[in-house]
Amino acid sequence: MATGMWTAVSGAVAQQQNVDVVANNLANADTLGFKKDAPTFKEYLATVERNHDGVEVPRGPIKDKELYPLDGKDQAFVITDGTYTNFKQGNLRVTQSPLDVAMDGPGFLEVSTPSGIRYTRQGSLKMAMDGRLVTSDGYPVLASQAGGLAAAQPSSTVQPGQGRPATQGGVAVDQNNPAAARFINLRDRPGVLTIGPSGEIYSGEDLIAKLSVVEFNDSRKLVKQGGVLFGNADLTNLSTAPARTQVRQGLIETSNVNPVEEMTRLLQANRLFEHDLKAMKTYGELLSKEVNELGKL
């Protein structure tokens, strides 16, 4: 009977993790570029996974359980097998801001963070005080390495240790950061800023740089780090096929979380959690009777 208790416990633990994931999705329903998560569950059927060894026939009186000992291995338990991210594109919202961009397709913007290069679909960009093009979290947006458009041409370069930091296009360059040479400088650009479908950034008719828009062969290999950043440890996962993503200026991608759908999932998970708790309580009462009442017979 006690084994049935653990079946209910495993279900309650799985639903608790499900509630946590859904609650996080709801909390980020208004986060730009957020991709919702969903847990996957695995049913562990002990009968299937037990070793089918030969049965040693006992000597003496034989009972049924000795010929086919279960030892609780007929119980099915539920465990959380993992969490996957749904990369379905969110709705595109019109902002008419020249620095807002939306990825229309599977691509990601390449950004530089203290932990290394990361990828995001959060396209609410801005110009930092030093002229760099950065995300809303302050991470520099990187330029594409193709075509020699890594960044604006340097107006001056001073080696470290000569009194002032090295600069590139008037922007201080971190010599310890290999991606610093790909920072995009918008300082002293008086022309109208336009961004083309392929990511080219123009100031008037002058080409400044090209946004680095990266696509992946298998987005399931990306690891979510924070709310809207993703890491990629497998360099072979970078797609070399012709780009399918177009950059839309003046638009921004919203979260792909449907609040109504997530509220329904949250209510369902809570009810299943309550059912497992009731089953645990019932098993507890039965075990109490077994100890307190059957012992008196």
Protein backbone atom coordinates (compact mmCIF):
# COMPACT_ATOMS: atom_id res chain seq x y z
CA MET A 1 0.00 0.00 0.00
CA ALA A 2 2.88 2.34 0.75
CA THR A 3 4.03 2.10 -2.87
CA GLY A 4 0.79 3.76 -3.99
CA MET A 5 1.66 6.69 -1.76
CA TRP A 6 4.89 7.28 -3.71
CA THR A 7 3.02 7.20 -7.01
CA ALA A 8 0.89 10.10 -5.80
CA VAL A 9 3.96 11.90 -4.46
CA SER A 10 5.72 11.66 -7.83
CA GLY A 11 2.66 13.11 -9.56
CA ALA A 12 2.47 16.01 -7.09
CA VAL A 13 6.16 16.86 -7.54
CA ALA A 14 5.79 16.81 -11.34
CA GLN A 15 2.75 19.10 -11.24
CA GLN A 16 4.52 21.48 -8.86
CA GLN A 17 7.31 21.87 -11.42
CA ASN A 18 4.67 22.36 -14.12
CA VAL A 19 3.10 25.17 -12.09
CA ASP A 20 6.49 26.87 -11.73
CA VAL A 21 7.09 26.82 -15.51
CA VAL A 22 3.61 28.11 -16.37
CA ALA A 23 3.84 30.83 -13.70
CA ASN A 24 7.15 32.00 -15.20
CA ASN A 25 5.51 32.16 -18.64
CA LEU A 26 2.69 34.30 -17.29
CA ALA A 27 5.13 36.60 -15.51
CA ASN A 28 6.85 37.23 -18.87
CA ALA A 29 3.70 37.64 -20.97
CA ASP A 30 4.65 41.29 -21.58
CA THR A 31 8.42 40.72 -21.96
CA LEU A 32 9.49 41.62 -25.49
CA GLY A 33 11.03 38.71 -27.39
CA PHE A 34 10.31 36.17 -24.63
CA LYS A 35 9.83 32.53 -25.65
CA LYS A 36 7.63 30.39 -23.46
CA ASP A 37 8.72 27.12 -21.89
CA ALA A 38 6.88 23.85 -21.39
CA PRO A 39 7.85 20.81 -19.29
CA THR A 40 7.93 17.27 -20.62
CA PHE A 41 7.02 14.31 -18.43
CA LYS A 42 8.11 10.70 -18.45
CA GLU A 43 6.20 7.79 -16.98
CA TYR A 44 8.52 5.38 -15.25
CA LEU A 45 6.94 1.91 -15.37
CA ALA A 46 9.02 -0.24 -13.06
CA THR A 47 7.68 -3.51 -14.49
CA VAL A 48 9.19 -2.74 -17.89
CA GLU A 49 12.55 -1.64 -16.51
CA ARG A 50 13.11 -4.48 -14.07
CA ASN A 51 15.52 -7.26 -14.96
CA HIS A 52 13.81 -10.34 -16.39
CA ASP A 53 16.11 -12.85 -14.79
CA GLY A 54 15.33 -16.45 -14.32
CA VAL A 55 13.19 -17.25 -11.30
CA GLU A 56 14.76 -19.47 -8.70
CA VAL A 57 12.20 -22.06 -7.69
CA PRO A 58 12.04 -22.26 -3.88
CA ARG A 59 12.34 -25.56 -2.10
CA GLY A 60 9.38 -26.28 0.07
CA PRO A 61 5.87 -24.78 0.08
CA ILE A 62 5.48 -22.42 -2.90
CA LYS A 63 3.51 -19.18 -2.91
CA ASP A 64 2.40 -17.22 -5.96
CA LYS A 65 4.50 -14.13 -5.11
CA GLU A 66 7.63 -16.28 -4.97
CA LEU A 67 7.19 -17.35 -8.59
CA TYR A 68 6.69 -13.78 -9.83
CA PRO A 69 7.99 -11.34 -7.22
CA LEU A 70 6.85 -7.78 -7.92
CA ASP A 71 8.23 -6.04 -4.85
CA GLY A 72 6.36 -2.90 -5.81
CA LYS A 73 7.79 -2.91 -9.33
CA ASP A 74 4.36 -2.83 -10.90
CA GLN A 75 3.97 0.81 -9.89
CA ALA A 76 4.15 3.63 -12.44
CA PHE A 77 5.85 6.86 -11.39
CA VAL A 78 5.94 10.26 -13.10
CA ILE A 79 9.10 12.34 -13.40
CA THR A 80 9.92 15.59 -15.20
CA ASP A 81 11.97 14.62 -18.24
CA GLY A 82 13.03 18.18 -19.08
CA THR A 83 11.87 21.59 -20.26
CA TYR A 84 11.82 22.76 -23.85
CA THR A 85 11.46 26.26 -25.28
CA ASN A 86 8.78 27.10 -27.84
CA PHE A 87 10.44 29.29 -30.49
CA LYS A 88 7.20 30.20 -32.27
CA GLN A 89 7.38 33.79 -33.44
CA GLY A 90 5.42 36.31 -31.40
CA ASN A 91 3.25 39.08 -32.78
CA LEU A 92 4.93 42.12 -34.33
CA ARG A 93 4.00 45.45 -32.77
CA VAL A 94 4.39 48.75 -34.62
CA THR A 95 6.47 51.31 -32.69
CA GLN A 96 7.82 53.51 -35.53
CA SER A 97 11.04 53.92 -33.55
CA PRO A 98 14.06 53.84 -35.91
CA LEU A 99 16.06 51.70 -33.47
CA ASP A 100 13.35 49.08 -32.94
CA VAL A 101 13.81 45.96 -35.07
CA ALA A 102 11.89 42.70 -35.29
CA MET A 103 13.21 39.40 -36.65
CA ASP A 104 10.68 38.18 -39.23
CA GLY A 105 11.87 34.60 -39.41
CA PRO A 106 13.96 32.20 -37.30
CA GLY A 107 16.98 34.49 -36.84
CA PHE A 108 18.51 35.95 -33.68
CA LEU A 109 20.47 39.12 -33.04
CA GLU A 110 24.05 38.50 -31.91
CA VAL A 111 25.01 40.48 -28.80
CA SER A 112 28.04 40.71 -26.53
CA THR A 113 27.62 40.01 -22.80
CA PRO A 114 30.09 39.66 -19.91
CA SER A 115 29.62 35.88 -20.27
CA GLY A 116 30.40 35.89 -23.99
CA ILE A 117 28.37 36.09 -27.18
CA ARG A 118 24.66 35.43 -26.75
CA TYR A 119 21.61 35.56 -29.01
CA THR A 120 18.29 37.33 -28.60
CA ARG A 121 15.11 38.26 -30.44
CA GLN A 122 14.49 41.27 -28.22
CA GLY A 123 14.90 44.08 -30.74
CA SER A 124 14.23 47.14 -28.60
CA LEU A 125 17.59 48.81 -29.27
CA LYS A 126 19.00 52.16 -28.22
CA MET A 127 22.14 54.25 -28.45
CA ALA A 128 24.31 54.24 -25.34
CA MET A 129 25.98 57.38 -24.03
CA ASP A 130 29.24 56.38 -25.73
CA GLY A 131 27.49 55.93 -29.08
CA ARG A 132 27.26 52.14 -29.14
CA LEU A 133 24.13 50.37 -30.36
CA VAL A 134 22.95 48.30 -27.39
CA THR A 135 19.94 46.28 -26.26
CA SER A 136 17.53 47.51 -23.61
CA ASP A 137 19.69 45.63 -21.07
CA GLY A 138 22.81 47.47 -22.20
CA TYR A 139 24.47 44.62 -24.14
CA PRO A 140 26.28 45.80 -27.31
CA VAL A 141 24.74 44.61 -30.55
CA LEU A 142 27.33 43.05 -32.87
CA ALA A 143 27.87 43.75 -36.53
CA SER A 144 28.15 41.05 -39.14
CA GLN A 145 31.65 39.94 -40.06
CA ALA A 146 30.71 39.45 -43.70
CA GLY A 147 31.76 42.03 -46.22
CA GLY A 148 34.15 43.84 -43.91
CA LEU A 149 31.32 45.70 -42.20
CA ALA A 150 32.45 44.80 -38.70
CA ALA A 151 31.87 48.32 -37.40
CA ALA A 152 32.44 51.95 -38.22
CA GLN A 153 35.95 52.73 -39.34
CA PRO A 154 38.14 53.81 -36.41
CA SER A 155 38.83 57.50 -36.17
CA SER A 156 41.71 56.90 -33.77
CA THR A 157 43.39 53.96 -32.15
CA VAL A 158 45.62 54.19 -29.10
CA GLN A 159 47.30 51.17 -27.62
CA PRO A 160 46.57 50.41 -23.95
CA GLY A 161 49.01 51.98 -21.54
CA GLN A 162 49.51 55.19 -23.56
CA GLY A 163 47.40 57.44 -21.38
CA ARG A 164 43.88 56.78 -22.72
CA PRO A 165 41.93 53.74 -23.87
CA ALA A 166 41.84 52.58 -27.46
CA THR A 167 38.87 53.90 -29.38
CA GLN A 168 36.98 52.80 -32.45
CA GLY A 169 34.80 55.35 -34.16
CA GLY A 170 34.95 57.43 -31.00
CA VAL A 171 33.84 54.48 -28.83
CA ALA A 172 36.12 53.00 -26.18
CA VAL A 173 37.17 49.46 -27.09
CA ASP A 174 37.72 46.76 -24.48
CA GLN A 175 40.96 45.10 -25.56
CA ASN A 176 40.09 41.99 -23.51
CA ASN A 177 36.84 41.45 -25.41
CA PRO A 178 37.35 39.89 -28.88
CA ALA A 179 33.86 41.02 -29.93
CA ALA A 180 34.65 44.69 -29.20
CA ALA A 181 35.86 45.22 -32.77
CA ARG A 182 32.32 44.42 -33.95
CA PHE A 183 30.53 47.03 -31.84
CA ILE A 184 28.32 49.37 -33.89
CA ASN A 185 28.95 53.08 -33.43
CA LEU A 186 26.13 55.56 -34.07
CA ARG A 187 27.89 58.65 -32.76
CA ASP A 188 28.08 61.70 -35.06
CA ARG A 189 25.65 60.26 -37.59
CA PRO A 190 23.44 63.22 -38.56
CA GLY A 191 21.56 61.50 -41.38
CA VAL A 192 18.23 59.68 -41.11
CA LEU A 193 18.86 56.20 -39.70
CA THR A 194 17.39 53.36 -41.75
CA ILE A 195 17.76 49.60 -41.39
CA GLY A 196 17.26 47.38 -44.43
CA PRO A 197 15.62 43.94 -44.56
CA SER A 198 19.05 42.26 -44.50
CA GLY A 199 20.17 44.28 -41.48
CA GLU A 200 22.22 47.02 -43.21
CA ILE A 201 22.27 50.21 -41.14
CA TYR A 202 22.40 53.45 -43.14
CA SER A 203 22.86 57.01 -41.96
CA GLY A 204 21.45 58.89 -44.91
CA GLU A 205 23.21 57.19 -47.82
CA ASP A 206 26.25 56.10 -45.77
CA LEU A 207 26.47 52.45 -44.83
CA ILE A 208 27.47 52.17 -41.16
CA ALA A 209 27.36 48.44 -40.50
CA LYS A 210 25.23 45.35 -40.91
CA LEU A 211 23.44 43.71 -38.01
CA SER A 212 24.64 40.19 -37.27
CA VAL A 213 21.49 38.06 -37.65
CA VAL A 214 22.24 34.39 -36.92
CA GLU A 215 20.14 31.33 -37.73
CA PHE A 216 20.54 27.82 -36.32
CA ASN A 217 20.13 24.35 -37.74
CA ASP A 218 18.38 23.15 -34.58
CA SER A 219 17.04 25.79 -32.20
CA ARG A 220 16.38 23.08 -29.60
CA LYS A 221 20.12 23.04 -28.85
CA LEU A 222 19.96 26.63 -27.62
CA VAL A 223 20.07 27.11 -23.87
CA LYS A 224 17.97 29.89 -22.36
CA GLN A 225 19.99 32.16 -20.10
CA GLY A 226 17.80 34.67 -18.37
CA GLY A 227 14.60 35.93 -19.92
CA VAL A 228 15.49 36.69 -23.54
CA LEU A 229 19.10 35.56 -24.02
CA PHE A 230 20.18 32.21 -25.46
CA GLY A 231 23.55 30.48 -25.51
CA ASN A 232 24.87 28.13 -28.18
CA ALA A 233 27.72 25.80 -27.26
CA ASP A 234 27.67 23.87 -30.56
CA LEU A 235 29.36 25.87 -33.33
CA THR A 236 28.21 23.34 -35.92
CA ASN A 237 24.66 24.37 -35.07
CA LEU A 238 25.17 27.71 -36.84
CA SER A 239 23.34 27.65 -40.15
CA THR A 240 25.29 28.37 -43.33
CA ALA A 241 22.20 28.17 -45.56
CA PRO A 242 20.80 31.30 -47.25
CA ALA A 243 19.18 33.58 -44.69
CA ARG A 244 15.43 33.28 -44.23
CA THR A 245 15.09 36.13 -41.73
CA GLN A 246 14.20 39.70 -42.65
CA VAL A 247 14.78 42.64 -40.33
CA ARG A 248 11.72 44.86 -39.88
CA GLN A 249 12.54 48.40 -38.75
CA GLY A 250 10.01 50.22 -36.61
CA LEU A 251 8.47 46.95 -35.38
CA ILE A 252 9.15 44.87 -32.32
CA GLU A 253 8.36 41.24 -31.46
CA THR A 254 6.23 40.63 -28.42
CA SER A 255 6.19 37.55 -26.20
CA ASN A 256 4.74 34.38 -27.72
CA VAL A 257 2.90 33.65 -24.46
CA ASN A 258 -0.89 33.44 -24.76
CA PRO A 259 -2.15 34.51 -21.30
CA VAL A 260 -5.52 32.75 -21.69
CA GLU A 261 -3.85 29.49 -22.70
CA GLU A 262 -1.33 29.70 -19.86
CA MET A 263 -4.05 30.48 -17.29
CA THR A 264 -5.90 27.36 -18.45
CA ARG A 265 -2.72 25.29 -18.07
CA LEU A 266 -2.13 26.79 -14.62
CA LEU A 267 -5.63 25.90 -13.41
CA GLN A 268 -5.28 22.38 -14.80
CA ALA A 269 -1.89 21.87 -13.12
CA ASN A 270 -3.23 23.17 -9.80
CA ARG A 271 -6.21 20.81 -9.90
CA LEU A 272 -4.02 17.81 -10.73
CA PHE A 273 -1.72 18.81 -7.87
CA GLU A 274 -4.72 18.93 -5.49
CA HIS A 275 -5.88 15.48 -6.69
CA ASP A 276 -2.45 14.03 -5.92
CA LEU A 277 -2.55 15.62 -2.46
CA LYS A 278 -5.96 14.04 -1.82
CA ALA A 279 -4.60 10.66 -2.91
CA MET A 280 -1.65 11.07 -0.54
CA LYS A 281 -4.03 11.96 2.29
CA THR A 282 -6.18 8.91 1.56
CA TYR A 283 -3.16 6.62 1.57
CA GLY A 284 -2.04 8.20 4.85
CA GLU A 285 -5.41 7.49 6.45
CA LEU A 286 -5.36 3.88 5.22
CA LEU A 287 -1.85 3.35 6.58
CA SER A 288 -2.94 4.82 9.91
CA LYS A 289 -5.84 2.37 10.11
CA GLU A 290 -3.53 -0.48 9.16
CA VAL A 291 -1.20 0.35 12.03
CA ASN A 292 -3.74 1.31 14.70
CA GLU A 293 -6.73 -0.93 13.98
CA LEU A 294 -5.48 -4.09 12.29
CA GLY A 295 -2.92 -4.53 15.04
CA LYS A 296 -5.74 -4.89 17.59
CA LEU A 297 -7.23 -7.93 15.86
